[in-house]
Amino acid sequence: IANRTPNSIIDDDKEITELNTVKDTLQRLNKTDLKPGDHVRKRLTRNVFTKGTKQIWSKETYTVKRVWIANAALDDGTVVRVDNLQPVVHAIVTEPTAVVKKGMDRETVEEEHRLVKK
């Protein structure tokens, strides 16, 4: 403002906009920690008027096949922006467990448990 014409302000604004675009692009290049083989969930697309308590991540998990810039290729053949993925940490079962079914007697349960531990 300060005795400047509107056109001179617009010219300066273009340069600032270009610098901010480059800065934003560089930040997105280094944004992801995803690697091929990681398991992720996709963000679900929701209606604008959906209440906030509804689930926003898919129940299914997908494996990342390839990652580049701000995108990731998944095992189902889709390419998704990294911003729309949630990393999943799978729990590791350290000890096998026997399945107890209704009507099993104690001896059968103990036998099943012994078989699983072997």
Protein backbone atom coordinates (compact mmCIF):
# COMPACT_ATOMS: atom_id res chain seq x y z
CA ILE A 1 0.00 0.00 0.00
CA ALA A 2 2.12 3.04 1.03
CA ASN A 3 1.93 4.86 -2.33
CA ARG A 4 2.12 1.66 -4.41
CA THR A 5 -0.09 0.86 -7.34
CA PRO A 6 -2.31 -2.23 -7.28
CA ASN A 7 -0.35 -3.75 -10.18
CA SER A 8 2.97 -3.50 -8.33
CA ILE A 9 1.47 -5.25 -5.31
CA ILE A 10 0.10 -8.03 -7.53
CA ASP A 11 3.54 -8.51 -9.16
CA ASP A 12 5.19 -8.87 -5.73
CA ASP A 13 2.39 -11.18 -4.62
CA LYS A 14 3.08 -13.57 -7.53
CA GLU A 15 6.71 -13.93 -6.43
CA ILE A 16 5.70 -14.61 -2.81
CA THR A 17 3.09 -17.15 -3.95
CA GLU A 18 5.70 -18.94 -6.07
CA LEU A 19 8.14 -19.12 -3.14
CA ASN A 20 5.43 -20.50 -0.84
CA THR A 21 4.50 -23.13 -3.44
CA VAL A 22 8.11 -24.30 -3.72
CA LYS A 23 8.44 -24.37 0.09
CA ASP A 24 5.22 -26.42 0.42
CA THR A 25 6.37 -28.88 -2.25
CA LEU A 26 9.72 -29.42 -0.52
CA GLN A 27 7.99 -30.05 2.81
CA ARG A 28 5.71 -32.66 1.22
CA LEU A 29 8.65 -34.46 -0.39
CA ASN A 30 10.07 -35.38 3.02
CA LYS A 31 6.75 -35.89 4.78
CA THR A 32 6.26 -39.66 4.81
CA ASP A 33 7.81 -42.34 6.98
CA LEU A 34 6.08 -45.10 5.01
CA LYS A 35 8.21 -47.79 3.41
CA PRO A 36 7.31 -50.65 1.07
CA GLY A 37 5.95 -53.55 3.13
CA ASP A 38 4.26 -51.33 5.77
CA HIS A 39 0.62 -52.03 6.59
CA VAL A 40 -1.85 -49.13 6.37
CA ARG A 41 -5.54 -48.26 6.47
CA LYS A 42 -7.22 -45.96 3.93
CA ARG A 43 -9.20 -42.89 4.92
CA LEU A 44 -12.87 -43.43 4.09
CA THR A 45 -14.74 -40.87 2.03
CA ARG A 46 -17.61 -39.52 4.09
CA ASN A 47 -20.64 -37.40 3.40
CA VAL A 48 -20.26 -33.75 4.40
CA PHE A 49 -23.05 -34.06 6.98
CA THR A 50 -21.80 -37.29 8.62
CA LYS A 51 -21.47 -37.04 12.39
CA GLY A 52 -17.99 -37.01 13.86
CA THR A 53 -18.35 -40.32 15.70
CA LYS A 54 -18.43 -42.40 12.53
CA GLN A 55 -15.29 -44.36 11.64
CA ILE A 56 -12.99 -42.56 9.20
CA TRP A 57 -10.47 -45.38 8.55
CA SER A 58 -11.09 -48.63 6.66
CA LYS A 59 -11.36 -51.93 8.51
CA GLU A 60 -9.20 -53.63 5.88
CA THR A 61 -5.44 -53.25 6.01
CA TYR A 62 -3.35 -52.85 2.88
CA THR A 63 0.34 -53.39 2.20
CA VAL A 64 2.40 -50.55 0.72
CA LYS A 65 4.10 -51.68 -2.49
CA ARG A 66 5.82 -48.44 -3.53
CA VAL A 67 6.20 -44.91 -2.14
CA TRP A 68 7.12 -41.77 -4.08
CA ILE A 69 6.81 -38.06 -3.28
CA ALA A 70 3.37 -37.80 -1.65
CA ASN A 71 1.78 -41.00 -3.02
CA ALA A 72 1.82 -44.69 -2.20
CA ALA A 73 0.86 -47.69 -4.33
CA LEU A 74 -1.02 -50.34 -2.37
CA ASP A 75 -1.40 -54.09 -2.88
CA ASP A 76 -4.97 -53.67 -4.15
CA GLY A 77 -3.67 -51.71 -7.15
CA THR A 78 -4.72 -48.24 -5.98
CA VAL A 79 -2.49 -45.18 -5.66
CA VAL A 80 -3.34 -43.06 -2.62
CA ARG A 81 -1.93 -39.83 -1.20
CA VAL A 82 0.16 -40.49 1.90
CA ASP A 83 -2.00 -38.00 3.82
CA ASN A 84 -4.94 -40.39 3.39
CA LEU A 85 -3.17 -43.40 4.93
CA GLN A 86 -2.84 -44.47 8.56
CA PRO A 87 0.05 -46.78 9.54
CA VAL A 88 -1.02 -49.96 11.33
CA VAL A 89 1.10 -51.74 13.92
CA HIS A 90 0.23 -55.41 14.06
CA ALA A 91 0.35 -57.17 17.43
CA ILE A 92 2.62 -60.18 17.51
CA VAL A 93 1.32 -63.28 19.27
CA THR A 94 4.22 -64.62 21.32
CA GLU A 95 2.60 -67.83 22.56
CA PRO A 96 0.15 -70.05 20.71
CA THR A 97 -3.14 -70.68 22.46
CA ALA A 98 -5.56 -73.59 22.37
CA VAL A 99 -9.12 -73.06 21.22
CA VAL A 100 -11.64 -74.10 23.85
CA LYS A 101 -15.01 -75.13 22.46
CA LYS A 102 -18.28 -75.45 24.31
CA GLY A 103 -18.80 -78.91 25.76
CA MET A 104 -15.09 -79.87 25.93
CA ASP A 105 -14.03 -81.66 29.09
CA ARG A 106 -10.91 -80.69 31.05
CA GLU A 107 -8.74 -83.52 29.67
CA THR A 108 -9.49 -82.56 26.07
CA VAL A 109 -8.69 -78.90 26.75
CA GLU A 110 -5.35 -79.85 28.37
CA GLU A 111 -4.53 -82.15 25.44
CA GLU A 112 -5.30 -79.38 22.92
CA HIS A 113 -3.07 -77.00 24.90
CA ARG A 114 -0.19 -79.52 24.90
CA LEU A 115 -0.51 -80.05 21.16
CA VAL A 116 -0.41 -76.33 20.47
CA LYS A 117 2.69 -75.77 22.64
CA LYS A 118 4.73 -78.39 20.71
